[in-house]
Amino acid sequence: MVKYGIRRTSDGALAYMSSTANDGEFCVSVAYEISFSENDIIYMKDKETAEKVISNNTPWYNAGSNTPEWGYDFKTAVEKNDIEIVKITMMVDTA
């Protein structure tokens, strides 16, 4: 199975995603943030989705799993052009 990820080129760190529940009436019920220090590694189904994530810093109140808000370290990496899209090959096997 092939997925795509985002890597910081300077140290090879993969991007991670966190989610936060919101109780707000005028925003998404769960906001998503991408950074290099969050909870869950982010895998994308295709390269186009990864390109969309890199090209759009969505405000927290509209952030979704395909359009996350950028964390500070992710924003810095994008601004420094210190980021690349990588293929991640996953092998699924029974335990």
PDB file of N, CA and C in Angstrom:
ATOM      1  N   MET A   1       0.849  -1.162   0.000  1.00  0.00           N
ATOM      2  CA  MET A   1       0.000   0.000   0.000  1.00  0.00           C
ATOM      3  C   MET A   1       0.905   1.239   0.000  1.00  0.00           C
ATOM      4  N   VAL A   2       0.652   2.166  -0.899  1.00  0.00           N
ATOM      5  CA  VAL A   2       1.452   3.389  -0.984  1.00  0.00           C
ATOM      6  C   VAL A   2       0.616   4.577  -0.512  1.00  0.00           C
ATOM      7  N   LYS A   3       1.177   5.345   0.384  1.00  0.00           N
ATOM      8  CA  LYS A   3       0.584   6.596   0.865  1.00  0.00           C
ATOM      9  C   LYS A   3       1.625   7.690   0.673  1.00  0.00           C
ATOM     10  N   TYR A   4       1.260   8.918   0.977  1.00  0.00           N
ATOM     11  CA  TYR A   4       2.176  10.043   0.850  1.00  0.00           C
ATOM     12  C   TYR A   4       2.268  10.764   2.178  1.00  0.00           C
ATOM     13  N   GLY A   5       3.425  11.319   2.436  1.00  0.00           N
ATOM     14  CA  GLY A   5       3.659  12.079   3.649  1.00  0.00           C
ATOM     15  C   GLY A   5       4.421  13.339   3.325  1.00  0.00           C
ATOM     16  N   ILE A   6       4.652  14.139   4.349  1.00  0.00           N
ATOM     17  CA  ILE A   6       5.409  15.382   4.205  1.00  0.00           C
ATOM     18  C   ILE A   6       6.585  15.298   5.167  1.00  0.00           C
ATOM     19  N   ARG A   7       7.775  15.586   4.636  1.00  0.00           N
ATOM     20  CA  ARG A   7       8.998  15.472   5.433  1.00  0.00           C
ATOM     21  C   ARG A   7       9.751  16.792   5.428  1.00  0.00           C
ATOM     22  N   ARG A   8      10.322  17.125   6.584  1.00  0.00           N
ATOM     23  CA  ARG A   8      11.221  18.277   6.681  1.00  0.00           C
ATOM     24  C   ARG A   8      12.578  17.798   6.187  1.00  0.00           C
ATOM     25  N   THR A   9      13.112  18.439   5.162  1.00  0.00           N
ATOM     26  CA  THR A   9      14.340  17.956   4.528  1.00  0.00           C
ATOM     27  C   THR A   9      15.572  18.120   5.409  1.00  0.00           C
ATOM     28  N   SER A  10      15.612  19.120   6.264  1.00  0.00           N
ATOM     29  CA  SER A  10      16.819  19.372   7.064  1.00  0.00           C
ATOM     30  C   SER A  10      17.130  18.261   8.053  1.00  0.00           C
ATOM     31  N   ASP A  11      16.099  17.579   8.579  1.00  0.00           N
ATOM     32  CA  ASP A  11      16.360  16.516   9.556  1.00  0.00           C
ATOM     33  C   ASP A  11      15.592  15.223   9.290  1.00  0.00           C
ATOM     34  N   GLY A  12      14.784  15.187   8.233  1.00  0.00           N
ATOM     35  CA  GLY A  12      14.056  13.977   7.890  1.00  0.00           C
ATOM     36  C   GLY A  12      12.799  13.726   8.702  1.00  0.00           C
ATOM     37  N   ALA A  13      12.408  14.666   9.554  1.00  0.00           N
ATOM     38  CA  ALA A  13      11.219  14.483  10.393  1.00  0.00           C
ATOM     39  C   ALA A  13       9.958  14.455   9.538  1.00  0.00           C
ATOM     40  N   LEU A  14       9.060  13.518   9.840  1.00  0.00           N
ATOM     41  CA  LEU A  14       7.780  13.441   9.149  1.00  0.00           C
ATOM     42  C   LEU A  14       6.757  14.314   9.857  1.00  0.00           C
ATOM     43  N   ALA A  15       5.808  14.836   9.087  1.00  0.00           N
ATOM     44  CA  ALA A  15       4.762  15.690   9.643  1.00  0.00           C
ATOM     45  C   ALA A  15       3.730  14.844  10.387  1.00  0.00           C
ATOM     46  N   TYR A  16       3.212  15.410  11.462  1.00  0.00           N
ATOM     47  CA  TYR A  16       2.206  14.771  12.300  1.00  0.00           C
ATOM     48  C   TYR A  16       0.960  15.630  12.351  1.00  0.00           C
ATOM     49  N   MET A  17      -0.143  15.026  12.773  1.00  0.00           N
ATOM     50  CA  MET A  17      -1.417  15.730  12.846  1.00  0.00           C
ATOM     51  C   MET A  17      -1.990  15.599  14.251  1.00  0.00           C
ATOM     52  N   SER A  18      -2.600  16.667  14.717  1.00  0.00           N
ATOM     53  CA  SER A  18      -3.368  16.590  15.956  1.00  0.00           C
ATOM     54  C   SER A  18      -4.774  17.077  15.668  1.00  0.00           C
ATOM     55  N   SER A  19      -5.706  16.645  16.485  1.00  0.00           N
ATOM     56  CA  SER A  19      -7.086  17.088  16.337  1.00  0.00           C
ATOM     57  C   SER A  19      -7.584  17.598  17.686  1.00  0.00           C
ATOM     58  N   THR A  20      -8.406  18.637  17.627  1.00  0.00           N
ATOM     59  CA  THR A  20      -8.945  19.255  18.828  1.00  0.00           C
ATOM     60  C   THR A  20     -10.436  19.466  18.654  1.00  0.00           C
ATOM     61  N   ALA A  21     -11.209  19.018  19.635  1.00  0.00           N
ATOM     62  CA  ALA A  21     -12.653  19.219  19.578  1.00  0.00           C
ATOM     63  C   ALA A  21     -12.973  20.686  19.864  1.00  0.00           C
ATOM     64  N   ASN A  22     -13.918  21.217  19.123  1.00  0.00           N
ATOM     65  CA  ASN A  22     -14.393  22.593  19.314  1.00  0.00           C
ATOM     66  C   ASN A  22     -15.873  22.561  19.659  1.00  0.00           C
ATOM     67  N   ASP A  23     -16.271  23.410  20.586  1.00  0.00           N
ATOM     68  CA  ASP A  23     -17.681  23.501  20.937  1.00  0.00           C
ATOM     69  C   ASP A  23     -18.325  24.717  20.305  1.00  0.00           C
ATOM     70  N   GLY A  24     -17.582  25.390  19.438  1.00  0.00           N
ATOM     71  CA  GLY A  24     -18.078  26.626  18.845  1.00  0.00           C
ATOM     72  C   GLY A  24     -19.232  26.408  17.891  1.00  0.00           C
ATOM     73  N   GLU A  25     -20.085  27.374  17.823  1.00  0.00           N
ATOM     74  CA  GLU A  25     -21.256  27.321  16.961  1.00  0.00           C
ATOM     75  C   GLU A  25     -20.907  27.680  15.525  1.00  0.00           C
ATOM     76  N   PHE A  26     -19.859  28.469  15.325  1.00  0.00           N
ATOM     77  CA  PHE A  26     -19.533  28.999  14.002  1.00  0.00           C
ATOM     78  C   PHE A  26     -18.222  28.452  13.449  1.00  0.00           C
ATOM     79  N   CYS A  27     -17.848  27.251  13.842  1.00  0.00           N
ATOM     80  CA  CYS A  27     -16.605  26.663  13.341  1.00  0.00           C
ATOM     81  C   CYS A  27     -16.783  25.156  13.205  1.00  0.00           C
ATOM     82  N   VAL A  28     -15.780  24.489  12.655  1.00  0.00           N
ATOM     83  CA  VAL A  28     -15.834  23.037  12.532  1.00  0.00           C
ATOM     84  C   VAL A  28     -15.854  22.399  13.926  1.00  0.00           C
ATOM     85  N   SER A  29     -16.421  21.205  14.036  1.00  0.00           N
ATOM     86  CA  SER A  29     -16.516  20.552  15.340  1.00  0.00           C
ATOM     87  C   SER A  29     -15.171  19.976  15.802  1.00  0.00           C
ATOM     88  N   VAL A  30     -14.297  19.661  14.843  1.00  0.00           N
ATOM     89  CA  VAL A  30     -12.951  19.187  15.159  1.00  0.00           C
ATOM     90  C   VAL A  30     -11.972  19.950  14.282  1.00  0.00           C
ATOM     91  N   ALA A  31     -10.985  20.606  14.894  1.00  0.00           N
ATOM     92  CA  ALA A  31      -9.960  21.335  14.149  1.00  0.00           C
ATOM     93  C   ALA A  31      -8.700  20.471  14.071  1.00  0.00           C
ATOM     94  N   TYR A  32      -7.995  20.572  12.967  1.00  0.00           N
ATOM     95  CA  TYR A  32      -6.790  19.775  12.733  1.00  0.00           C
ATOM     96  C   TYR A  32      -5.586  20.685  12.549  1.00  0.00           C
ATOM     97  N   GLU A  33      -4.453  20.286  13.128  1.00  0.00           N
ATOM     98  CA  GLU A  33      -3.203  21.037  12.981  1.00  0.00           C
ATOM     99  C   GLU A  33      -2.095  20.083  12.575  1.00  0.00           C
ATOM    100  N   ILE A  34      -1.276  20.517  11.612  1.00  0.00           N
ATOM    101  CA  ILE A  34      -0.140  19.721  11.155  1.00  0.00           C
ATOM    102  C   ILE A  34       1.146  20.372  11.645  1.00  0.00           C
ATOM    103  N   SER A  35       2.047  19.552  12.172  1.00  0.00           N
ATOM    104  CA  SER A  35       3.339  20.051  12.633  1.00  0.00           C
ATOM    105  C   SER A  35       4.306  18.869  12.675  1.00  0.00           C
ATOM    106  N   PHE A  36       5.474  19.100  13.216  1.00  0.00           N
ATOM    107  CA  PHE A  36       6.462  18.032  13.341  1.00  0.00           C
ATOM    108  C   PHE A  36       6.557  17.521  14.774  1.00  0.00           C
ATOM    109  N   SER A  37       5.600  17.889  15.609  1.00  0.00           N
ATOM    110  CA  SER A  37       5.667  17.478  17.017  1.00  0.00           C
ATOM    111  C   SER A  37       4.291  17.124  17.589  1.00  0.00           C
ATOM    112  N   GLU A  38       3.392  16.648  16.763  1.00  0.00           N
ATOM    113  CA  GLU A  38       2.049  16.336  17.239  1.00  0.00           C
ATOM    114  C   GLU A  38       1.874  14.846  17.485  1.00  0.00           C
ATOM    115  N   ASN A  39       0.636  14.388  17.498  1.00  0.00           N
ATOM    116  CA  ASN A  39       0.312  13.046  17.970  1.00  0.00           C
ATOM    117  C   ASN A  39       0.409  11.941  16.927  1.00  0.00           C
ATOM    118  N   ASP A  40      -0.211  12.124  15.786  1.00  0.00           N
ATOM    119  CA  ASP A  40      -0.353  11.039  14.819  1.00  0.00           C
ATOM    120  C   ASP A  40       0.281  11.413  13.490  1.00  0.00           C
ATOM    121  N   ILE A  41       1.083  10.497  12.945  1.00  0.00           N
ATOM    122  CA  ILE A  41       1.691  10.758  11.643  1.00  0.00           C
ATOM    123  C   ILE A  41       0.581  10.916  10.610  1.00  0.00           C
ATOM    124  N   ILE A  42       0.774  11.809   9.673  1.00  0.00           N
ATOM    125  CA  ILE A  42      -0.254  12.070   8.666  1.00  0.00           C
ATOM    126  C   ILE A  42       0.116  11.347   7.378  1.00  0.00           C
ATOM    127  N   TYR A  43      -0.807  10.515   6.920  1.00  0.00           N
ATOM    128  CA  TYR A  43      -0.672   9.814   5.647  1.00  0.00           C
ATOM    129  C   TYR A  43      -1.737  10.356   4.701  1.00  0.00           C
ATOM    130  N   MET A  44      -1.370  10.629   3.475  1.00  0.00           N
ATOM    131  CA  MET A  44      -2.322  11.131   2.493  1.00  0.00           C
ATOM    132  C   MET A  44      -2.466  10.132   1.360  1.00  0.00           C
ATOM    133  N   LYS A  45      -3.651  10.093   0.777  1.00  0.00           N
ATOM    134  CA  LYS A  45      -3.937   9.085  -0.253  1.00  0.00           C
ATOM    135  C   LYS A  45      -3.229   9.350  -1.563  1.00  0.00           C
ATOM    136  N   ASP A  46      -2.908  10.627  -1.828  1.00  0.00           N
ATOM    137  CA  ASP A  46      -2.259  10.938  -3.100  1.00  0.00           C
ATOM    138  C   ASP A  46      -1.382  12.186  -2.965  1.00  0.00           C
ATOM    139  N   LYS A  47      -0.536  12.373  -3.952  1.00  0.00           N
ATOM    140  CA  LYS A  47       0.401  13.493  -3.953  1.00  0.00           C
ATOM    141  C   LYS A  47      -0.330  14.828  -4.013  1.00  0.00           C
ATOM    142  N   GLU A  48      -1.455  14.874  -4.714  1.00  0.00           N
ATOM    143  CA  GLU A  48      -2.216  16.119  -4.852  1.00  0.00           C
ATOM    144  C   GLU A  48      -2.730  16.613  -3.503  1.00  0.00           C
ATOM    145  N   THR A  49      -3.161  15.698  -2.649  1.00  0.00           N
ATOM    146  CA  THR A  49      -3.614  16.086  -1.312  1.00  0.00           C
ATOM    147  C   THR A  49      -2.457  16.686  -0.517  1.00  0.00           C
ATOM    148  N   ALA A  50      -1.277  16.067  -0.601  1.00  0.00           N
ATOM    149  CA  ALA A  50      -0.101  16.592   0.096  1.00  0.00           C
ATOM    150  C   ALA A  50       0.261  17.982  -0.419  1.00  0.00           C
ATOM    151  N   GLU A  51       0.184  18.178  -1.725  1.00  0.00           N
ATOM    152  CA  GLU A  51       0.469  19.501  -2.303  1.00  0.00           C
ATOM    153  C   GLU A  51      -0.529  20.537  -1.807  1.00  0.00           C
ATOM    154  N   LYS A  52      -1.784  20.141  -1.674  1.00  0.00           N
ATOM    155  CA  LYS A  52      -2.822  21.052  -1.170  1.00  0.00           C
ATOM    156  C   LYS A  52      -2.542  21.452   0.278  1.00  0.00           C
ATOM    157  N   VAL A  53      -2.118  20.490   1.091  1.00  0.00           N
ATOM    158  CA  VAL A  53      -1.795  20.768   2.496  1.00  0.00           C
ATOM    159  C   VAL A  53      -0.652  21.770   2.581  1.00  0.00           C
ATOM    160  N   ILE A  54       0.370  21.593   1.743  1.00  0.00           N
ATOM    161  CA  ILE A  54       1.534  22.480   1.768  1.00  0.00           C
ATOM    162  C   ILE A  54       1.192  23.881   1.261  1.00  0.00           C
ATOM    163  N   SER A  55       0.256  23.989   0.358  1.00  0.00           N
ATOM    164  CA  SER A  55      -0.030  25.289  -0.251  1.00  0.00           C
ATOM    165  C   SER A  55      -1.116  26.091   0.452  1.00  0.00           C
ATOM    166  N   ASN A  56      -1.797  25.506   1.445  1.00  0.00           N
ATOM    167  CA  ASN A  56      -2.895  26.212   2.112  1.00  0.00           C
ATOM    168  C   ASN A  56      -2.793  26.102   3.625  1.00  0.00           C
ATOM    169  N   ASN A  57      -2.594  27.217   4.292  1.00  0.00           N
ATOM    170  CA  ASN A  57      -2.635  27.275   5.746  1.00  0.00           C
ATOM    171  C   ASN A  57      -4.052  27.688   6.139  1.00  0.00           C
ATOM    172  N   THR A  58      -4.875  26.720   6.483  1.00  0.00           N
ATOM    173  CA  THR A  58      -6.272  26.964   6.790  1.00  0.00           C
ATOM    174  C   THR A  58      -6.427  27.482   8.223  1.00  0.00           C
ATOM    175  N   PRO A  59      -7.249  28.508   8.458  1.00  0.00           N
ATOM    176  CA  PRO A  59      -7.493  28.976   9.834  1.00  0.00           C
ATOM    177  C   PRO A  59      -8.099  27.847  10.682  1.00  0.00           C
ATOM    178  N   TRP A  60      -7.796  27.828  11.975  1.00  0.00           N
ATOM    179  CA  TRP A  60      -8.218  26.739  12.860  1.00  0.00           C
ATOM    180  C   TRP A  60      -9.713  26.487  12.813  1.00  0.00           C
ATOM    181  N   TYR A  61     -10.511  27.531  12.663  1.00  0.00           N
ATOM    182  CA  TYR A  61     -11.964  27.370  12.700  1.00  0.00           C
ATOM    183  C   TYR A  61     -12.534  26.737  11.428  1.00  0.00           C
ATOM    184  N   ASN A  62     -11.724  26.586  10.392  1.00  0.00           N
ATOM    185  CA  ASN A  62     -12.136  25.893   9.168  1.00  0.00           C
ATOM    186  C   ASN A  62     -11.285  24.658   8.879  1.00  0.00           C
ATOM    187  N   ALA A  63     -10.304  24.377   9.726  1.00  0.00           N
ATOM    188  CA  ALA A  63      -9.329  23.322   9.468  1.00  0.00           C
ATOM    189  C   ALA A  63      -9.961  21.933   9.521  1.00  0.00           C
ATOM    190  N   GLY A  64      -9.721  21.155   8.465  1.00  0.00           N
ATOM    191  CA  GLY A  64     -10.193  19.781   8.403  1.00  0.00           C
ATOM    192  C   GLY A  64      -9.023  18.838   8.185  1.00  0.00           C
ATOM    193  N   SER A  65      -9.304  17.564   8.098  1.00  0.00           N
ATOM    194  CA  SER A  65      -8.215  16.587   7.961  1.00  0.00           C
ATOM    195  C   SER A  65      -7.466  16.725   6.634  1.00  0.00           C
ATOM    196  N   ASN A  66      -8.108  17.196   5.583  1.00  0.00           N
ATOM    197  CA  ASN A  66      -7.425  17.417   4.300  1.00  0.00           C
ATOM    198  C   ASN A  66      -6.949  18.850   4.131  1.00  0.00           C
ATOM    199  N   THR A  67      -7.344  19.725   5.047  1.00  0.00           N
ATOM    200  CA  THR A  67      -6.948  21.142   4.993  1.00  0.00           C
ATOM    201  C   THR A  67      -6.606  21.624   6.401  1.00  0.00           C
ATOM    202  N   PRO A  68      -5.534  21.085   7.000  1.00  0.00           N
ATOM    203  CA  PRO A  68      -5.213  21.429   8.382  1.00  0.00           C
ATOM    204  C   PRO A  68      -4.574  22.807   8.522  1.00  0.00           C
ATOM    205  N   GLU A  69      -4.683  23.331   9.738  1.00  0.00           N
ATOM    206  CA  GLU A  69      -3.943  24.540  10.107  1.00  0.00           C
ATOM    207  C   GLU A  69      -2.478  24.160  10.270  1.00  0.00           C
ATOM    208  N   TRP A  70      -1.597  25.063   9.926  1.00  0.00           N
ATOM    209  CA  TRP A  70      -0.166  24.801  10.091  1.00  0.00           C
ATOM    210  C   TRP A  70       0.269  25.147  11.507  1.00  0.00           C
ATOM    211  N   GLY A  71       1.017  24.250  12.139  1.00  0.00           N
ATOM    212  CA  GLY A  71       1.671  24.574  13.390  1.00  0.00           C
ATOM    213  C   GLY A  71       2.872  25.469  13.106  1.00  0.00           C
ATOM    214  N   TYR A  72       3.418  26.083  14.156  1.00  0.00           N
ATOM    215  CA  TYR A  72       4.525  27.028  13.982  1.00  0.00           C
ATOM    216  C   TYR A  72       5.712  26.393  13.259  1.00  0.00           C
ATOM    217  N   ASP A  73       6.118  25.179  13.677  1.00  0.00           N
ATOM    218  CA  ASP A  73       7.291  24.556  13.059  1.00  0.00           C
ATOM    219  C   ASP A  73       7.027  24.152  11.606  1.00  0.00           C
ATOM    220  N   PHE A  74       5.792  23.779  11.282  1.00  0.00           N
ATOM    221  CA  PHE A  74       5.456  23.445   9.899  1.00  0.00           C
ATOM    222  C   PHE A  74       5.483  24.701   9.040  1.00  0.00           C
ATOM    223  N   LYS A  75       4.918  25.789   9.549  1.00  0.00           N
ATOM    224  CA  LYS A  75       4.906  27.068   8.821  1.00  0.00           C
ATOM    225  C   LYS A  75       6.338  27.527   8.544  1.00  0.00           C
ATOM    226  N   THR A  76       7.202  27.403   9.538  1.00  0.00           N
ATOM    227  CA  THR A  76       8.606  27.793   9.370  1.00  0.00           C
ATOM    228  C   THR A  76       9.274  26.953   8.283  1.00  0.00           C
ATOM    229  N   ALA A  77       9.024  25.653   8.279  1.00  0.00           N
ATOM    230  CA  ALA A  77       9.623  24.772   7.273  1.00  0.00           C
ATOM    231  C   ALA A  77       9.139  25.132   5.866  1.00  0.00           C
ATOM    232  N   VAL A  78       7.852  25.447   5.723  1.00  0.00           N
ATOM    233  CA  VAL A  78       7.314  25.836   4.413  1.00  0.00           C
ATOM    234  C   VAL A  78       7.958  27.138   3.958  1.00  0.00           C
ATOM    235  N   GLU A  79       8.050  28.113   4.864  1.00  0.00           N
ATOM    236  CA  GLU A  79       8.639  29.413   4.522  1.00  0.00           C
ATOM    237  C   GLU A  79      10.095  29.282   4.113  1.00  0.00           C
ATOM    238  N   LYS A  80      10.825  28.333   4.697  1.00  0.00           N
ATOM    239  CA  LYS A  80      12.239  28.117   4.373  1.00  0.00           C
ATOM    240  C   LYS A  80      12.434  27.140   3.217  1.00  0.00           C
ATOM    241  N   ASN A  81      11.334  26.691   2.622  1.00  0.00           N
ATOM    242  CA  ASN A  81      11.378  25.693   1.548  1.00  0.00           C
ATOM    243  C   ASN A  81      12.137  24.445   2.007  1.00  0.00           C
ATOM    244  N   ASP A  82      11.928  24.072   3.257  1.00  0.00           N
ATOM    245  CA  ASP A  82      12.595  22.944   3.902  1.00  0.00           C
ATOM    246  C   ASP A  82      11.614  21.780   4.037  1.00  0.00           C
ATOM    247  N   ILE A  83      10.907  21.489   2.952  1.00  0.00           N
ATOM    248  CA  ILE A  83       9.832  20.508   3.028  1.00  0.00           C
ATOM    249  C   ILE A  83       9.741  19.757   1.703  1.00  0.00           C
ATOM    250  N   GLU A  84       9.354  18.487   1.783  1.00  0.00           N
ATOM    251  CA  GLU A  84       9.176  17.716   0.563  1.00  0.00           C
ATOM    252  C   GLU A  84       8.087  16.673   0.780  1.00  0.00           C
ATOM    253  N   ILE A  85       7.500  16.248  -0.327  1.00  0.00           N
ATOM    254  CA  ILE A  85       6.502  15.188  -0.299  1.00  0.00           C
ATOM    255  C   ILE A  85       7.231  13.867  -0.521  1.00  0.00           C
ATOM    256  N   VAL A  86       6.886  12.872   0.278  1.00  0.00           N
ATOM    257  CA  VAL A  86       7.546  11.569   0.172  1.00  0.00           C
ATOM    258  C   VAL A  86       6.496  10.464   0.026  1.00  0.00           C
ATOM    259  N   LYS A  87       6.881   9.394  -0.659  1.00  0.00           N
ATOM    260  CA  LYS A  87       6.057   8.199  -0.734  1.00  0.00           C
ATOM    261  C   LYS A  87       6.354   7.344   0.483  1.00  0.00           C
ATOM    262  N   ILE A  88       5.311   6.794   1.067  1.00  0.00           N
ATOM    263  CA  ILE A  88       5.463   5.908   2.215  1.00  0.00           C
ATOM    264  C   ILE A  88       4.829   4.576   1.840  1.00  0.00           C
ATOM    265  N   THR A  89       5.630   3.547   1.811  1.00  0.00           N
ATOM    266  CA  THR A  89       5.132   2.207   1.494  1.00  0.00           C
ATOM    267  C   THR A  89       4.804   1.488   2.800  1.00  0.00           C
ATOM    268  N   MET A  90       3.573   1.023   2.881  1.00  0.00           N
ATOM    269  CA  MET A  90       3.128   0.344   4.093  1.00  0.00           C
ATOM    270  C   MET A  90       2.848  -1.116   3.782  1.00  0.00           C
ATOM    271  N   MET A  91       3.314  -1.993   4.659  1.00  0.00           N
ATOM    272  CA  MET A  91       3.021  -3.396   4.494  1.00  0.00           C
ATOM    273  C   MET A  91       2.062  -3.788   5.608  1.00  0.00           C
ATOM    274  N   VAL A  92       0.938  -4.321   5.252  1.00  0.00           N
ATOM    275  CA  VAL A  92      -0.055  -4.750   6.220  1.00  0.00           C
ATOM    276  C   VAL A  92      -0.031  -6.270   6.285  1.00  0.00           C
ATOM    277  N   ASP A  93       0.090  -6.801   7.487  1.00  0.00           N
ATOM    278  CA  ASP A  93       0.180  -8.245   7.672  1.00  0.00           C
ATOM    279  C   ASP A  93      -0.593  -8.607   8.933  1.00  0.00           C
ATOM    280  N   THR A  94      -1.040  -9.824   9.020  1.00  0.00           N
ATOM    281  CA  THR A  94      -1.724 -10.261  10.223  1.00  0.00           C
ATOM    282  C   THR A  94      -0.714 -10.503  11.332  1.00  0.00           C
ATOM    283  N   ALA A  95      -1.182 -10.330  12.552  1.00  0.00           N
ATOM    284  CA  ALA A  95      -0.297 -10.509  13.714  1.00  0.00           C
ATOM    285  C   ALA A  95      -0.191 -11.957  14.106  1.00  0.00           C
TER     286      ALA A  95
END
